[in-house]
Each structure stands twice: as C-alpha cells, then as structure tokens.
Amino acid sequence: MKKRSIILSLILGIIIGVFNSNAQDNITENKDITALINKKRQYNKYNGTGYRIQLYNGLERKAKSLRSRFQVEYPGVYTKLVYKSPEWKVQVGNYKTRLEADRSLNEIREQFNGAIVIPL
C-alpha cells in the first residue's frame, strides 16, 4: 500500500512538473513591446539618463568660487553651473550609473563636504 501511494505521488509530481514547464514555454513576443523597448534604448542613447554630483546649492558668488576651485582640483571633469530661482547649483560629472557616481562621490567628498548624487 505504501509503495503504491509513493509511486502515485511520484507519477503525479512528474505530470505536474511537465505541464508546469510547458506552460512557461508559451510566451509570445509582442512586436509593439519590442519596438517600444528599442525606441526607449535609442532615446536613452542620445538624451541620456544618468547622474551628476551636486557640490553646492546656494548663493551665486560662493557657487562660482566653488566651481573654479573644483576645476583646479579636478581639471578633466565636466562642471556645470545651474540657476534655478533663487539658488545657484554647482553640478559636476556625467555618470551613466549610480555606482560610477557613488565611486566618484567618495573621492570628491574628501575636499567638498555636502556633495550629493542627483539623477539627471
């Protein structure tokens, strides 16, 4: 009796496993979804999504002096001075991933306290 129930359980398990694996193979790709994903990739390639490091947010005079100080210490890094009323922002770098930005932030924070990573 125990052998029969074990064999039945085993056969039932195999049948359920086969049907379950066949159910996952019935995925159909929608051409519209594929086209939309390709459009998004092209958009990101040209317009970019990424991160910058913001060094300062405040007065114009201090923002400009901080930007020039940063350019002296890190000559090859892109810097941008942004004005959004009523504050000036100093943003540096163009990073594709958050990980890249965080790595640079660790180096930059040694000289510039209060720097943060912001998305574009």
C-alpha atoms as a PDB file:
ATOM      1  CA  MET A   1       0.000   0.000   0.000  1.00  0.00           C
ATOM      2  CA  LYS A   2       2.819   2.418   0.850  1.00  0.00           C
ATOM      3  CA  LYS A   3       4.646   1.551  -2.357  1.00  0.00           C
ATOM      4  CA  ARG A   4       1.520   2.281  -4.397  1.00  0.00           C
ATOM      5  CA  SER A   5       0.995   5.704  -2.776  1.00  0.00           C
ATOM      6  CA  ILE A   6       4.674   6.611  -3.241  1.00  0.00           C
ATOM      7  CA  ILE A   7       4.574   5.590  -6.911  1.00  0.00           C
ATOM      8  CA  LEU A   8       1.307   7.515  -7.478  1.00  0.00           C
ATOM      9  CA  SER A   9       2.769  10.610  -5.785  1.00  0.00           C
ATOM     10  CA  LEU A  10       5.895  10.364  -7.910  1.00  0.00           C
ATOM     11  CA  ILE A  11       3.911   9.987 -11.158  1.00  0.00           C
ATOM     12  CA  LEU A  12       1.613  12.859 -10.182  1.00  0.00           C
ATOM     13  CA  GLY A  13       4.635  15.050  -9.394  1.00  0.00           C
ATOM     14  CA  ILE A  14       6.218  14.280 -12.762  1.00  0.00           C
ATOM     15  CA  ILE A  15       2.993  15.060 -14.641  1.00  0.00           C
ATOM     16  CA  ILE A  16       2.539  18.364 -12.806  1.00  0.00           C
ATOM     17  CA  GLY A  17       6.177  19.275 -13.463  1.00  0.00           C
ATOM     18  CA  VAL A  18       5.850  18.585 -17.194  1.00  0.00           C
ATOM     19  CA  PHE A  19       2.667  20.657 -17.524  1.00  0.00           C
ATOM     20  CA  ASN A  20       4.173  23.476 -15.480  1.00  0.00           C
ATOM     21  CA  SER A  21       7.323  23.661 -17.631  1.00  0.00           C
ATOM     22  CA  ASN A  22       5.235  23.580 -20.834  1.00  0.00           C
ATOM     23  CA  ALA A  23       3.097  26.441 -19.557  1.00  0.00           C
ATOM     24  CA  GLN A  24       6.178  28.648 -19.258  1.00  0.00           C
ATOM     25  CA  ASP A  25       7.249  27.980 -22.849  1.00  0.00           C
ATOM     26  CA  ASN A  26       4.088  29.521 -24.310  1.00  0.00           C
ATOM     27  CA  ILE A  27       5.403  33.100 -24.101  1.00  0.00           C
ATOM     28  CA  THR A  28       4.696  35.072 -27.241  1.00  0.00           C
ATOM     29  CA  GLU A  29       6.666  38.195 -28.038  1.00  0.00           C
ATOM     30  CA  ASN A  30       4.615  41.223 -28.885  1.00  0.00           C
ATOM     31  CA  LYS A  31       6.121  43.279 -31.725  1.00  0.00           C
ATOM     32  CA  ASP A  32       4.764  46.510 -30.260  1.00  0.00           C
ATOM     33  CA  ILE A  33       6.531  45.926 -26.953  1.00  0.00           C
ATOM     34  CA  THR A  34       9.796  45.110 -28.720  1.00  0.00           C
ATOM     35  CA  ALA A  35       9.515  48.280 -30.830  1.00  0.00           C
ATOM     36  CA  LEU A  36       8.797  50.368 -27.729  1.00  0.00           C
ATOM     37  CA  ILE A  37      11.826  48.955 -25.919  1.00  0.00           C
ATOM     38  CA  ASN A  38      14.034  49.760 -28.930  1.00  0.00           C
ATOM     39  CA  LYS A  39      12.697  53.338 -29.041  1.00  0.00           C
ATOM     40  CA  LYS A  40      13.458  53.755 -25.333  1.00  0.00           C
ATOM     41  CA  ARG A  41      17.011  52.495 -25.847  1.00  0.00           C
ATOM     42  CA  GLN A  42      17.566  54.945 -28.714  1.00  0.00           C
ATOM     43  CA  TYR A  43      16.171  57.806 -26.635  1.00  0.00           C
ATOM     44  CA  ASN A  44      18.470  56.967 -23.725  1.00  0.00           C
ATOM     45  CA  LYS A  45      21.446  56.702 -26.072  1.00  0.00           C
ATOM     46  CA  TYR A  46      21.066  60.268 -27.356  1.00  0.00           C
ATOM     47  CA  ASN A  47      19.357  62.090 -24.486  1.00  0.00           C
ATOM     48  CA  GLY A  48      20.897  60.051 -21.766  1.00  0.00           C
ATOM     49  CA  THR A  49      19.810  59.164 -18.357  1.00  0.00           C
ATOM     50  CA  GLY A  50      22.392  59.313 -15.711  1.00  0.00           C
ATOM     51  CA  TYR A  51      23.692  61.040 -12.645  1.00  0.00           C
ATOM     52  CA  ARG A  52      25.700  64.074 -11.601  1.00  0.00           C
ATOM     53  CA  ILE A  53      27.267  65.119  -8.349  1.00  0.00           C
ATOM     54  CA  GLN A  54      25.917  68.346  -6.889  1.00  0.00           C
ATOM     55  CA  LEU A  55      28.552  70.186  -4.886  1.00  0.00           C
ATOM     56  CA  TYR A  56      26.658  73.269  -3.806  1.00  0.00           C
ATOM     57  CA  ASN A  57      23.221  74.848  -3.729  1.00  0.00           C
ATOM     58  CA  GLY A  58      23.002  78.490  -2.692  1.00  0.00           C
ATOM     59  CA  LEU A  59      24.459  81.939  -3.382  1.00  0.00           C
ATOM     60  CA  GLU A  60      25.932  82.912  -6.759  1.00  0.00           C
ATOM     61  CA  ARG A  61      29.283  84.176  -5.514  1.00  0.00           C
ATOM     62  CA  LYS A  62      30.029  81.062  -3.485  1.00  0.00           C
ATOM     63  CA  ALA A  63      28.812  78.793  -6.316  1.00  0.00           C
ATOM     64  CA  LYS A  64      31.182  80.413  -8.815  1.00  0.00           C
ATOM     65  CA  SER A  65      34.163  80.257  -6.465  1.00  0.00           C
ATOM     66  CA  LEU A  66      33.419  76.609  -5.618  1.00  0.00           C
ATOM     67  CA  ARG A  67      33.163  75.766  -9.316  1.00  0.00           C
ATOM     68  CA  SER A  68      36.539  77.360 -10.094  1.00  0.00           C
ATOM     69  CA  ARG A  69      38.123  75.596  -7.098  1.00  0.00           C
ATOM     70  CA  PHE A  70      36.743  72.272  -8.331  1.00  0.00           C
ATOM     71  CA  GLN A  71      38.046  72.891 -11.857  1.00  0.00           C
ATOM     72  CA  VAL A  72      41.544  73.460 -10.448  1.00  0.00           C
ATOM     73  CA  GLU A  73      41.492  70.287  -8.343  1.00  0.00           C
ATOM     74  CA  TYR A  74      39.767  68.083 -10.968  1.00  0.00           C
ATOM     75  CA  PRO A  75      40.690  69.563 -14.373  1.00  0.00           C
ATOM     76  CA  GLY A  76      39.245  66.788 -16.576  1.00  0.00           C
ATOM     77  CA  VAL A  77      35.777  66.591 -15.003  1.00  0.00           C
ATOM     78  CA  TYR A  78      32.768  68.307 -16.610  1.00  0.00           C
ATOM     79  CA  THR A  79      31.313  71.125 -14.466  1.00  0.00           C
ATOM     80  CA  LYS A  80      28.015  72.917 -14.819  1.00  0.00           C
ATOM     81  CA  LEU A  81      26.634  75.992 -13.095  1.00  0.00           C
ATOM     82  CA  VAL A  82      22.825  75.921 -12.963  1.00  0.00           C
ATOM     83  CA  TYR A  83      20.496  78.710 -11.889  1.00  0.00           C
ATOM     84  CA  LYS A  84      17.054  77.760 -10.630  1.00  0.00           C
ATOM     85  CA  SER A  85      15.488  80.732  -8.965  1.00  0.00           C
ATOM     86  CA  PRO A  86      16.530  81.723  -6.304  1.00  0.00           C
ATOM     87  CA  GLU A  87      19.544  79.409  -5.989  1.00  0.00           C
ATOM     88  CA  TRP A  88      22.689  78.525  -7.908  1.00  0.00           C
ATOM     89  CA  LYS A  89      23.831  74.926  -8.177  1.00  0.00           C
ATOM     90  CA  VAL A  90      27.248  73.517  -8.994  1.00  0.00           C
ATOM     91  CA  GLN A  91      26.963  70.115 -10.670  1.00  0.00           C
ATOM     92  CA  VAL A  92      29.873  68.003 -11.856  1.00  0.00           C
ATOM     93  CA  GLY A  93      30.411  64.881 -13.943  1.00  0.00           C
ATOM     94  CA  ASN A  94      28.308  62.824 -16.297  1.00  0.00           C
ATOM     95  CA  TYR A  95      27.832  59.314 -14.986  1.00  0.00           C
ATOM     96  CA  LYS A  96      25.788  56.569 -16.632  1.00  0.00           C
ATOM     97  CA  THR A  97      25.189  54.547 -13.470  1.00  0.00           C
ATOM     98  CA  ARG A  98      24.649  55.337  -9.835  1.00  0.00           C
ATOM     99  CA  LEU A  99      27.609  53.120  -8.970  1.00  0.00           C
ATOM    100  CA  GLU A 100      30.015  55.243 -11.046  1.00  0.00           C
ATOM    101  CA  ALA A 101      28.672  58.407  -9.447  1.00  0.00           C
ATOM    102  CA  ASP A 102      28.993  56.979  -5.928  1.00  0.00           C
ATOM    103  CA  ARG A 103      32.606  55.980  -6.553  1.00  0.00           C
ATOM    104  CA  SER A 104      33.482  59.491  -7.685  1.00  0.00           C
ATOM    105  CA  LEU A 105      31.486  60.951  -4.815  1.00  0.00           C
ATOM    106  CA  ASN A 106      33.719  59.112  -2.321  1.00  0.00           C
ATOM    107  CA  GLU A 107      36.779  60.838  -3.783  1.00  0.00           C
ATOM    108  CA  ILE A 108      35.135  64.260  -4.121  1.00  0.00           C
ATOM    109  CA  ARG A 109      33.717  64.298  -0.595  1.00  0.00           C
ATOM    110  CA  GLU A 110      37.221  64.449   0.819  1.00  0.00           C
ATOM    111  CA  GLN A 111      37.567  68.059  -0.396  1.00  0.00           C
ATOM    112  CA  PHE A 112      33.917  69.065  -0.856  1.00  0.00           C
ATOM    113  CA  ASN A 113      31.646  68.275   2.092  1.00  0.00           C
ATOM    114  CA  GLY A 114      27.932  68.041   1.433  1.00  0.00           C
ATOM    115  CA  ALA A 115      28.234  66.759  -2.137  1.00  0.00           C
ATOM    116  CA  ILE A 116      25.346  64.533  -3.217  1.00  0.00           C
ATOM    117  CA  VAL A 117      24.476  62.373  -6.220  1.00  0.00           C
ATOM    118  CA  ILE A 118      21.460  63.563  -8.217  1.00  0.00           C
ATOM    119  CA  PRO A 119      19.681  61.982 -11.181  1.00  0.00           C
ATOM    120  CA  LEU A 120      19.527  63.890 -14.467  1.00  0.00           C
END
